[in-house]
Amino acid sequence: METIEIIIDYEDDEGGTGANFNFNWAIEKYSHKPLFEGVMIWTTGHQGVSFTTTGVNL
């Protein structure tokens, strides 16, 4: 198993306004496909928003 953590700065607008990410990955034949999950957390003052999402293999 392996975990990779990628942190995107809140003010990073390089990819536009949407939270869209593409990952290029490869596995050995007959291996299990990887699981991709994302967590978004934003807070200001006494309010906060958070959500999680699971990536899909298309």
N, C-alpha and C. Protein backbone atom coordinates (compact mmCIF):
# COMPACT_ATOMS: atom_id res chain seq x y z
N MET A 1 0.83 -1.17 0.00
CA MET A 1 0.00 0.00 0.00
C MET A 1 0.89 1.24 0.00
N GLU A 2 0.34 2.31 -0.54
CA GLU A 2 1.07 3.57 -0.60
C GLU A 2 0.08 4.72 -0.48
N THR A 3 0.49 5.76 0.19
CA THR A 3 -0.32 6.96 0.31
C THR A 3 0.47 8.15 -0.23
N ILE A 4 -0.16 8.95 -1.05
CA ILE A 4 0.45 10.17 -1.56
C ILE A 4 -0.46 11.32 -1.17
N GLU A 5 0.11 12.34 -0.57
CA GLU A 5 -0.66 13.51 -0.14
C GLU A 5 -0.29 14.69 -1.03
N ILE A 6 -1.29 15.31 -1.62
CA ILE A 6 -1.09 16.49 -2.46
C ILE A 6 -1.93 17.61 -1.87
N ILE A 7 -1.29 18.73 -1.56
CA ILE A 7 -2.00 19.86 -0.97
C ILE A 7 -2.03 20.99 -1.99
N ILE A 8 -3.23 21.47 -2.29
CA ILE A 8 -3.42 22.59 -3.21
C ILE A 8 -3.76 23.82 -2.38
N ASP A 9 -2.99 24.88 -2.53
CA ASP A 9 -3.23 26.11 -1.78
C ASP A 9 -4.59 26.70 -2.15
N TYR A 10 -5.29 27.25 -1.17
CA TYR A 10 -6.61 27.84 -1.39
C TYR A 10 -6.59 28.91 -2.47
N GLU A 11 -5.54 29.70 -2.53
CA GLU A 11 -5.47 30.80 -3.49
C GLU A 11 -4.88 30.39 -4.84
N ASP A 12 -4.61 29.10 -5.05
CA ASP A 12 -4.07 28.62 -6.32
C ASP A 12 -5.19 28.58 -7.34
N ASP A 13 -5.13 29.42 -8.37
CA ASP A 13 -6.18 29.46 -9.39
C ASP A 13 -5.67 29.00 -10.76
N GLU A 14 -4.56 28.29 -10.78
CA GLU A 14 -3.96 27.85 -12.04
C GLU A 14 -4.90 26.96 -12.86
N GLY A 15 -5.67 26.11 -12.21
CA GLY A 15 -6.53 25.19 -12.92
C GLY A 15 -7.92 25.73 -13.20
N GLY A 16 -8.20 26.96 -12.88
CA GLY A 16 -9.53 27.53 -13.09
C GLY A 16 -10.36 27.47 -11.82
N THR A 17 -11.67 27.65 -11.97
CA THR A 17 -12.54 27.73 -10.80
C THR A 17 -13.01 26.38 -10.30
N GLY A 18 -12.93 25.34 -11.10
CA GLY A 18 -13.40 24.02 -10.68
C GLY A 18 -12.33 23.23 -9.96
N ALA A 19 -12.76 22.30 -9.12
CA ALA A 19 -11.82 21.42 -8.43
C ALA A 19 -11.70 20.13 -9.23
N ASN A 20 -11.02 20.20 -10.35
CA ASN A 20 -10.87 19.05 -11.24
C ASN A 20 -9.41 18.64 -11.32
N PHE A 21 -9.15 17.35 -11.16
CA PHE A 21 -7.79 16.85 -11.18
C PHE A 21 -7.72 15.59 -12.03
N ASN A 22 -6.64 15.46 -12.78
CA ASN A 22 -6.36 14.25 -13.55
C ASN A 22 -5.09 13.63 -13.03
N PHE A 23 -5.09 12.32 -12.86
CA PHE A 23 -3.92 11.59 -12.41
C PHE A 23 -3.56 10.56 -13.46
N ASN A 24 -2.30 10.52 -13.84
CA ASN A 24 -1.80 9.47 -14.71
C ASN A 24 -1.20 8.39 -13.81
N TRP A 25 -1.64 7.16 -13.97
CA TRP A 25 -1.17 6.09 -13.13
C TRP A 25 -1.02 4.81 -13.93
N ALA A 26 -0.22 3.90 -13.43
CA ALA A 26 -0.02 2.61 -14.08
C ALA A 26 0.15 1.54 -13.00
N ILE A 27 -0.30 0.34 -13.31
CA ILE A 27 -0.16 -0.78 -12.38
C ILE A 27 0.32 -2.00 -13.16
N GLU A 28 0.87 -2.94 -12.43
CA GLU A 28 1.28 -4.19 -13.05
C GLU A 28 0.05 -5.01 -13.38
N LYS A 29 0.17 -5.86 -14.37
CA LYS A 29 -0.94 -6.71 -14.80
C LYS A 29 -1.44 -7.55 -13.61
N TYR A 30 -2.73 -7.67 -13.49
CA TYR A 30 -3.42 -8.43 -12.43
C TYR A 30 -3.30 -7.78 -11.05
N SER A 31 -2.92 -6.51 -10.96
CA SER A 31 -2.88 -5.80 -9.69
C SER A 31 -4.23 -5.12 -9.43
N HIS A 32 -4.47 -4.80 -8.20
CA HIS A 32 -5.69 -4.07 -7.85
C HIS A 32 -5.58 -2.63 -8.33
N LYS A 33 -6.69 -2.07 -8.77
CA LYS A 33 -6.70 -0.67 -9.19
C LYS A 33 -6.59 0.23 -7.97
N PRO A 34 -5.93 1.38 -8.11
CA PRO A 34 -5.78 2.28 -6.96
C PRO A 34 -7.10 2.96 -6.60
N LEU A 35 -7.16 3.44 -5.37
CA LEU A 35 -8.31 4.17 -4.86
C LEU A 35 -7.89 5.63 -4.69
N PHE A 36 -8.64 6.54 -5.29
CA PHE A 36 -8.35 7.96 -5.18
C PHE A 36 -9.45 8.64 -4.38
N GLU A 37 -9.07 9.37 -3.35
CA GLU A 37 -10.04 10.10 -2.55
C GLU A 37 -9.55 11.53 -2.36
N GLY A 38 -10.48 12.47 -2.31
CA GLY A 38 -10.13 13.86 -2.08
C GLY A 38 -10.90 14.41 -0.90
N VAL A 39 -10.26 15.31 -0.16
CA VAL A 39 -10.87 15.97 0.99
C VAL A 39 -10.70 17.47 0.79
N MET A 40 -11.78 18.22 0.88
CA MET A 40 -11.73 19.68 0.77
C MET A 40 -12.19 20.26 2.09
N ILE A 41 -11.37 21.14 2.66
CA ILE A 41 -11.71 21.79 3.92
C ILE A 41 -11.45 23.28 3.77
N TRP A 42 -12.41 24.08 4.14
CA TRP A 42 -12.28 25.54 4.07
C TRP A 42 -12.95 26.13 5.30
N THR A 43 -12.28 27.04 5.97
CA THR A 43 -12.87 27.72 7.13
C THR A 43 -12.57 29.20 7.08
N THR A 44 -13.49 29.98 7.63
CA THR A 44 -13.28 31.41 7.80
C THR A 44 -14.13 31.84 8.99
N GLY A 45 -13.52 32.56 9.90
CA GLY A 45 -14.26 32.96 11.10
C GLY A 45 -14.76 31.74 11.86
N HIS A 46 -16.07 31.69 12.12
CA HIS A 46 -16.67 30.57 12.84
C HIS A 46 -17.41 29.63 11.91
N GLN A 47 -17.22 29.76 10.61
CA GLN A 47 -17.91 28.90 9.64
C GLN A 47 -16.90 28.03 8.91
N GLY A 48 -17.35 26.87 8.51
CA GLY A 48 -16.47 25.97 7.78
C GLY A 48 -17.27 25.11 6.81
N VAL A 49 -16.61 24.71 5.77
CA VAL A 49 -17.20 23.83 4.76
C VAL A 49 -16.21 22.70 4.52
N SER A 50 -16.69 21.48 4.42
CA SER A 50 -15.81 20.38 4.08
C SER A 50 -16.60 19.33 3.31
N PHE A 51 -15.89 18.60 2.46
CA PHE A 51 -16.51 17.46 1.77
C PHE A 51 -15.43 16.49 1.34
N THR A 52 -15.86 15.28 1.05
CA THR A 52 -14.94 14.28 0.52
C THR A 52 -15.50 13.77 -0.79
N THR A 53 -14.63 13.23 -1.61
CA THR A 53 -15.06 12.66 -2.89
C THR A 53 -14.15 11.49 -3.22
N THR A 54 -14.68 10.55 -3.95
CA THR A 54 -13.91 9.39 -4.39
C THR A 54 -13.71 9.46 -5.88
N GLY A 55 -12.47 9.26 -6.32
CA GLY A 55 -12.16 9.29 -7.74
C GLY A 55 -12.70 8.05 -8.45
N VAL A 56 -12.94 8.17 -9.73
CA VAL A 56 -13.42 7.05 -10.52
C VAL A 56 -12.48 6.81 -11.69
N ASN A 57 -12.38 5.57 -12.09
CA ASN A 57 -11.57 5.19 -13.24
C ASN A 57 -12.47 5.15 -14.46
N LEU A 58 -12.25 6.03 -15.41
CA LEU A 58 -13.09 6.07 -16.61
C LEU A 58 -12.46 5.31 -17.76
